[in-house]
Amino acid sequence: MFKASSQKEVSTKLMKGLLDLIILQFLSTEPMHGYQVITKIRKNFGVYFGPSTIYPLLGTLEKKGYVDSNWNMDFERPRKVYSLTSDGHNMLNFTEDSLNLICRKLTPA
């Protein structure tokens, strides 16, 4: 029988590999600040990736042109809010298609 700790380890490893896809997917539904991304990942997947993982990844996605950021001053302190660009949408679609293709190839005919 597969141990729960092994399941958690595999799940976390898969999440780490797909983290940029997950973030792009979240941002495709609505703009978010970094802490919202962190809490949404934790709520949806039960895995905690902290600020030291999420913020550098958001910065990388921004440098690649997949997300834009703007400062929102409506909160008690300013927050950088990220949104998906058209290149981000294209990358998300391409990645989802690639992932679906891989899953289909893994499934026995």
N, C-alpha and C. Protein backbone atom coordinates (compact mmCIF):
# COMPACT_ATOMS: atom_id res chain seq x y z
N MET A 1 0.85 -1.20 0.00
CA MET A 1 0.00 0.00 0.00
C MET A 1 0.88 1.25 0.00
N PHE A 2 0.47 2.21 -0.75
CA PHE A 2 1.18 3.48 -0.87
C PHE A 2 0.96 4.30 0.41
N LYS A 3 2.04 4.70 1.07
CA LYS A 3 1.91 5.47 2.32
C LYS A 3 1.44 6.89 2.05
N ALA A 4 0.72 7.43 3.02
CA ALA A 4 0.21 8.80 2.90
C ALA A 4 1.35 9.79 2.74
N SER A 5 2.46 9.56 3.45
CA SER A 5 3.60 10.47 3.35
C SER A 5 4.18 10.44 1.93
N SER A 6 4.19 9.27 1.31
CA SER A 6 4.66 9.15 -0.07
C SER A 6 3.72 9.87 -1.02
N GLN A 7 2.41 9.75 -0.78
CA GLN A 7 1.43 10.44 -1.61
C GLN A 7 1.63 11.94 -1.53
N LYS A 8 1.83 12.44 -0.31
CA LYS A 8 2.03 13.88 -0.10
C LYS A 8 3.30 14.35 -0.82
N GLU A 9 4.34 13.53 -0.75
CA GLU A 9 5.62 13.87 -1.39
C GLU A 9 5.46 13.94 -2.91
N VAL A 10 4.79 12.97 -3.50
CA VAL A 10 4.56 12.95 -4.94
C VAL A 10 3.70 14.14 -5.34
N SER A 11 2.64 14.39 -4.58
CA SER A 11 1.75 15.51 -4.86
C SER A 11 2.50 16.84 -4.83
N THR A 12 3.34 17.03 -3.81
CA THR A 12 4.11 18.26 -3.67
C THR A 12 5.10 18.41 -4.82
N LYS A 13 5.73 17.32 -5.22
CA LYS A 13 6.69 17.36 -6.33
C LYS A 13 6.00 17.74 -7.64
N LEU A 14 4.84 17.15 -7.89
CA LEU A 14 4.08 17.50 -9.09
C LEU A 14 3.65 18.96 -9.07
N MET A 15 3.19 19.41 -7.90
CA MET A 15 2.77 20.81 -7.74
C MET A 15 3.93 21.75 -8.05
N LYS A 16 5.11 21.44 -7.53
CA LYS A 16 6.28 22.29 -7.74
C LYS A 16 6.58 22.40 -9.23
N GLY A 17 6.49 21.28 -9.95
CA GLY A 17 6.77 21.28 -11.37
C GLY A 17 5.73 22.04 -12.19
N LEU A 18 4.52 22.10 -11.67
CA LEU A 18 3.42 22.75 -12.39
C LEU A 18 3.02 24.10 -11.79
N LEU A 19 3.84 24.61 -10.88
CA LEU A 19 3.48 25.82 -10.15
C LEU A 19 3.24 27.02 -11.05
N ASP A 20 4.07 27.18 -12.07
CA ASP A 20 3.85 28.32 -12.97
C ASP A 20 2.53 28.18 -13.72
N LEU A 21 2.20 26.96 -14.14
CA LEU A 21 0.91 26.70 -14.80
C LEU A 21 -0.25 27.01 -13.85
N ILE A 22 -0.13 26.59 -12.61
CA ILE A 22 -1.19 26.82 -11.61
C ILE A 22 -1.39 28.31 -11.38
N ILE A 23 -0.28 29.04 -11.26
CA ILE A 23 -0.38 30.49 -11.05
C ILE A 23 -1.01 31.17 -12.26
N LEU A 24 -0.58 30.80 -13.47
CA LEU A 24 -1.19 31.38 -14.68
C LEU A 24 -2.68 31.08 -14.73
N GLN A 25 -3.06 29.87 -14.34
CA GLN A 25 -4.47 29.48 -14.34
C GLN A 25 -5.26 30.35 -13.36
N PHE A 26 -4.73 30.54 -12.16
CA PHE A 26 -5.41 31.38 -11.17
C PHE A 26 -5.56 32.80 -11.68
N LEU A 27 -4.48 33.34 -12.28
CA LEU A 27 -4.52 34.73 -12.76
C LEU A 27 -5.41 34.88 -13.99
N SER A 28 -5.73 33.77 -14.66
CA SER A 28 -6.61 33.87 -15.83
C SER A 28 -8.05 34.14 -15.39
N THR A 29 -8.38 33.82 -14.13
CA THR A 29 -9.73 34.06 -13.65
C THR A 29 -9.89 35.45 -13.03
N GLU A 30 -8.82 35.95 -12.40
CA GLU A 30 -8.86 37.29 -11.80
C GLU A 30 -7.46 37.74 -11.41
N PRO A 31 -7.21 39.06 -11.44
CA PRO A 31 -5.93 39.57 -10.95
C PRO A 31 -5.80 39.29 -9.44
N MET A 32 -4.60 39.03 -8.97
CA MET A 32 -4.38 38.71 -7.56
C MET A 32 -3.04 39.26 -7.10
N HIS A 33 -2.96 39.53 -5.79
CA HIS A 33 -1.65 39.84 -5.22
C HIS A 33 -1.03 38.53 -4.72
N GLY A 34 0.25 38.57 -4.43
CA GLY A 34 1.00 37.36 -4.11
C GLY A 34 0.42 36.54 -2.97
N TYR A 35 -0.04 37.22 -1.92
CA TYR A 35 -0.58 36.48 -0.78
C TYR A 35 -1.86 35.74 -1.16
N GLN A 36 -2.66 36.33 -2.05
CA GLN A 36 -3.87 35.64 -2.53
C GLN A 36 -3.48 34.36 -3.27
N VAL A 37 -2.42 34.43 -4.07
CA VAL A 37 -1.96 33.25 -4.81
C VAL A 37 -1.54 32.16 -3.81
N ILE A 38 -0.77 32.54 -2.80
CA ILE A 38 -0.30 31.59 -1.78
C ILE A 38 -1.48 30.91 -1.09
N THR A 39 -2.46 31.70 -0.66
CA THR A 39 -3.60 31.12 0.07
C THR A 39 -4.49 30.29 -0.85
N LYS A 40 -4.62 30.67 -2.11
CA LYS A 40 -5.45 29.90 -3.04
C LYS A 40 -4.81 28.54 -3.34
N ILE A 41 -3.50 28.51 -3.47
CA ILE A 41 -2.80 27.23 -3.68
C ILE A 41 -3.02 26.34 -2.47
N ARG A 42 -2.86 26.91 -1.29
CA ARG A 42 -3.02 26.12 -0.06
C ARG A 42 -4.45 25.59 0.07
N LYS A 43 -5.42 26.46 -0.23
CA LYS A 43 -6.83 26.07 -0.11
C LYS A 43 -7.21 24.99 -1.13
N ASN A 44 -6.74 25.15 -2.37
CA ASN A 44 -7.13 24.22 -3.44
C ASN A 44 -6.35 22.91 -3.43
N PHE A 45 -5.09 22.95 -3.00
CA PHE A 45 -4.24 21.78 -3.12
C PHE A 45 -3.71 21.25 -1.79
N GLY A 46 -3.89 22.01 -0.71
CA GLY A 46 -3.40 21.57 0.60
C GLY A 46 -1.89 21.58 0.72
N VAL A 47 -1.22 22.33 -0.16
CA VAL A 47 0.24 22.42 -0.14
C VAL A 47 0.60 23.88 0.09
N TYR A 48 1.56 24.11 0.98
CA TYR A 48 1.97 25.49 1.27
C TYR A 48 3.28 25.82 0.57
N PHE A 49 3.22 26.79 -0.34
CA PHE A 49 4.42 27.38 -0.91
C PHE A 49 4.48 28.80 -0.39
N GLY A 50 5.55 29.15 0.28
CA GLY A 50 5.67 30.44 0.94
C GLY A 50 6.08 31.56 0.00
N PRO A 51 6.18 32.76 0.56
CA PRO A 51 6.57 33.94 -0.22
C PRO A 51 7.91 33.77 -0.93
N SER A 52 8.85 33.03 -0.33
CA SER A 52 10.18 32.88 -0.95
C SER A 52 10.12 32.02 -2.21
N THR A 53 9.02 31.29 -2.41
CA THR A 53 8.81 30.51 -3.63
C THR A 53 7.94 31.28 -4.62
N ILE A 54 6.85 31.84 -4.12
CA ILE A 54 5.84 32.45 -5.01
C ILE A 54 6.29 33.78 -5.61
N TYR A 55 6.85 34.68 -4.79
CA TYR A 55 7.20 36.00 -5.32
C TYR A 55 8.29 35.96 -6.39
N PRO A 56 9.36 35.17 -6.20
CA PRO A 56 10.35 35.07 -7.29
C PRO A 56 9.74 34.48 -8.57
N LEU A 57 8.82 33.52 -8.43
CA LEU A 57 8.17 32.92 -9.59
C LEU A 57 7.29 33.95 -10.30
N LEU A 58 6.56 34.76 -9.53
CA LEU A 58 5.76 35.83 -10.13
C LEU A 58 6.67 36.82 -10.87
N GLY A 59 7.83 37.12 -10.28
CA GLY A 59 8.80 38.01 -10.93
C GLY A 59 9.32 37.43 -12.24
N THR A 60 9.60 36.14 -12.24
CA THR A 60 10.06 35.47 -13.45
C THR A 60 8.98 35.48 -14.53
N LEU A 61 7.74 35.18 -14.13
CA LEU A 61 6.62 35.20 -15.09
C LEU A 61 6.43 36.60 -15.66
N GLU A 62 6.68 37.61 -14.84
CA GLU A 62 6.55 39.00 -15.31
C GLU A 62 7.68 39.33 -16.30
N LYS A 63 8.91 38.92 -15.97
CA LYS A 63 10.04 39.16 -16.87
C LYS A 63 9.82 38.50 -18.23
N LYS A 64 9.19 37.33 -18.23
CA LYS A 64 8.92 36.61 -19.48
C LYS A 64 7.74 37.20 -20.24
N GLY A 65 7.03 38.14 -19.61
CA GLY A 65 5.91 38.80 -20.28
C GLY A 65 4.58 38.08 -20.13
N TYR A 66 4.51 37.09 -19.24
CA TYR A 66 3.27 36.33 -19.06
C TYR A 66 2.31 37.00 -18.07
N VAL A 67 2.85 37.81 -17.18
CA VAL A 67 2.01 38.56 -16.24
C VAL A 67 2.47 40.01 -16.19
N ASP A 68 1.55 40.87 -15.85
CA ASP A 68 1.80 42.29 -15.60
C ASP A 68 1.53 42.54 -14.14
N SER A 69 2.13 43.58 -13.59
CA SER A 69 1.80 43.93 -12.21
C SER A 69 1.57 45.43 -12.10
N ASN A 70 0.69 45.77 -11.17
CA ASN A 70 0.41 47.17 -10.85
C ASN A 70 0.26 47.28 -9.35
N TRP A 71 0.62 48.42 -8.82
CA TRP A 71 0.46 48.66 -7.38
C TRP A 71 -0.98 49.08 -7.11
N ASN A 72 -1.61 48.40 -6.18
CA ASN A 72 -2.96 48.74 -5.75
C ASN A 72 -2.86 49.41 -4.39
N MET A 73 -3.34 50.63 -4.30
CA MET A 73 -3.24 51.40 -3.06
C MET A 73 -4.52 51.32 -2.23
N ASP A 74 -5.48 50.47 -2.63
CA ASP A 74 -6.77 50.39 -1.94
C ASP A 74 -6.70 49.62 -0.62
N PHE A 75 -5.62 48.88 -0.40
CA PHE A 75 -5.47 48.11 0.83
C PHE A 75 -4.84 48.98 1.90
N GLU A 76 -4.80 48.48 3.15
CA GLU A 76 -4.19 49.27 4.23
C GLU A 76 -2.71 49.53 3.95
N ARG A 77 -2.10 48.65 3.17
CA ARG A 77 -0.75 48.92 2.67
C ARG A 77 -0.74 48.56 1.19
N PRO A 78 0.12 49.21 0.42
CA PRO A 78 0.13 48.95 -1.03
C PRO A 78 0.43 47.48 -1.33
N ARG A 79 -0.26 46.95 -2.32
CA ARG A 79 -0.03 45.57 -2.75
C ARG A 79 0.19 45.55 -4.26
N LYS A 80 1.13 44.71 -4.66
CA LYS A 80 1.39 44.52 -6.08
C LYS A 80 0.42 43.47 -6.58
N VAL A 81 -0.42 43.84 -7.54
CA VAL A 81 -1.44 42.94 -8.07
C VAL A 81 -1.00 42.48 -9.46
N TYR A 82 -1.06 41.17 -9.66
CA TYR A 82 -0.61 40.55 -10.91
C TYR A 82 -1.80 40.16 -11.76
N SER A 83 -1.67 40.35 -13.07
CA SER A 83 -2.72 39.92 -14.00
C SER A 83 -2.06 39.26 -15.20
N LEU A 84 -2.82 38.42 -15.87
CA LEU A 84 -2.33 37.66 -17.01
C LEU A 84 -2.31 38.53 -18.27
N THR A 85 -1.24 38.43 -19.04
CA THR A 85 -1.15 39.14 -20.32
C THR A 85 -1.66 38.22 -21.43
N SER A 86 -1.74 38.73 -22.65
CA SER A 86 -2.16 37.87 -23.77
C SER A 86 -1.11 36.78 -24.00
N ASP A 87 0.18 37.10 -23.84
CA ASP A 87 1.22 36.07 -23.94
C ASP A 87 1.04 35.02 -22.85
N GLY A 88 0.62 35.46 -21.68
CA GLY A 88 0.35 34.53 -20.57
C GLY A 88 -0.79 33.59 -20.90
N HIS A 89 -1.84 34.14 -21.51
CA HIS A 89 -2.97 33.30 -21.95
C HIS A 89 -2.51 32.27 -22.98
N ASN A 90 -1.69 32.71 -23.93
CA ASN A 90 -1.18 31.80 -24.96
C ASN A 90 -0.32 30.70 -24.33
N MET A 91 0.54 31.07 -23.38
CA MET A 91 1.40 30.08 -22.71
C MET A 91 0.55 29.11 -21.90
N LEU A 92 -0.46 29.62 -21.23
CA LEU A 92 -1.37 28.77 -20.45
C LEU A 92 -2.06 27.75 -21.36
N ASN A 93 -2.59 28.21 -22.49
CA ASN A 93 -3.25 27.30 -23.43
C ASN A 93 -2.29 26.25 -23.97
N PHE A 94 -1.08 26.68 -24.34
CA PHE A 94 -0.08 25.75 -24.86
C PHE A 94 0.30 24.72 -23.80
N THR A 95 0.52 25.17 -22.58
CA THR A 95 0.92 24.27 -21.49
C THR A 95 -0.18 23.28 -21.17
N GLU A 96 -1.43 23.76 -21.12
CA GLU A 96 -2.56 22.85 -20.86
C GLU A 96 -2.68 21.81 -21.96
N ASP A 97 -2.53 22.22 -23.22
CA ASP A 97 -2.58 21.27 -24.34
C ASP A 97 -1.47 20.24 -24.23
N SER A 98 -0.26 20.70 -23.89
CA SER A 98 0.88 19.79 -23.75
C SER A 98 0.66 18.81 -22.62
N LEU A 99 0.13 19.29 -21.51
CA LEU A 99 -0.12 18.44 -20.36
C LEU A 99 -1.20 17.40 -20.69
N ASN A 100 -2.23 17.82 -21.39
CA ASN A 100 -3.29 16.87 -21.82
C ASN A 100 -2.72 15.80 -22.75
N LEU A 101 -1.84 16.20 -23.65
CA LEU A 101 -1.21 15.25 -24.57
C LEU A 101 -0.38 14.22 -23.78
N ILE A 102 0.40 14.70 -22.82
CA ILE A 102 1.22 13.81 -22.00
C ILE A 102 0.32 12.82 -21.25
N CYS A 103 -0.75 13.33 -20.65
CA CYS A 103 -1.67 12.45 -19.91
C CYS A 103 -2.29 11.40 -20.82
N ARG A 104 -2.66 11.80 -22.04
CA ARG A 104 -3.24 10.83 -22.98
C ARG A 104 -2.22 9.76 -23.35
N LYS A 105 -0.96 10.15 -23.50
CA LYS A 105 0.08 9.17 -23.86
C LYS A 105 0.39 8.22 -22.70
N LEU A 106 0.14 8.68 -21.46
CA LEU A 106 0.37 7.84 -20.30
C LEU A 106 -0.76 6.83 -20.09
N THR A 107 -1.92 7.14 -20.64
CA THR A 107 -3.08 6.27 -20.47
C THR A 107 -3.03 5.14 -21.48
N PRO A 108 -3.08 3.87 -21.02
CA PRO A 108 -3.05 2.74 -21.96
C PRO A 108 -4.28 2.77 -22.87
N ALA A 109 -4.07 2.41 -24.11
CA ALA A 109 -5.16 2.43 -25.11
C ALA A 109 -6.15 1.30 -24.86
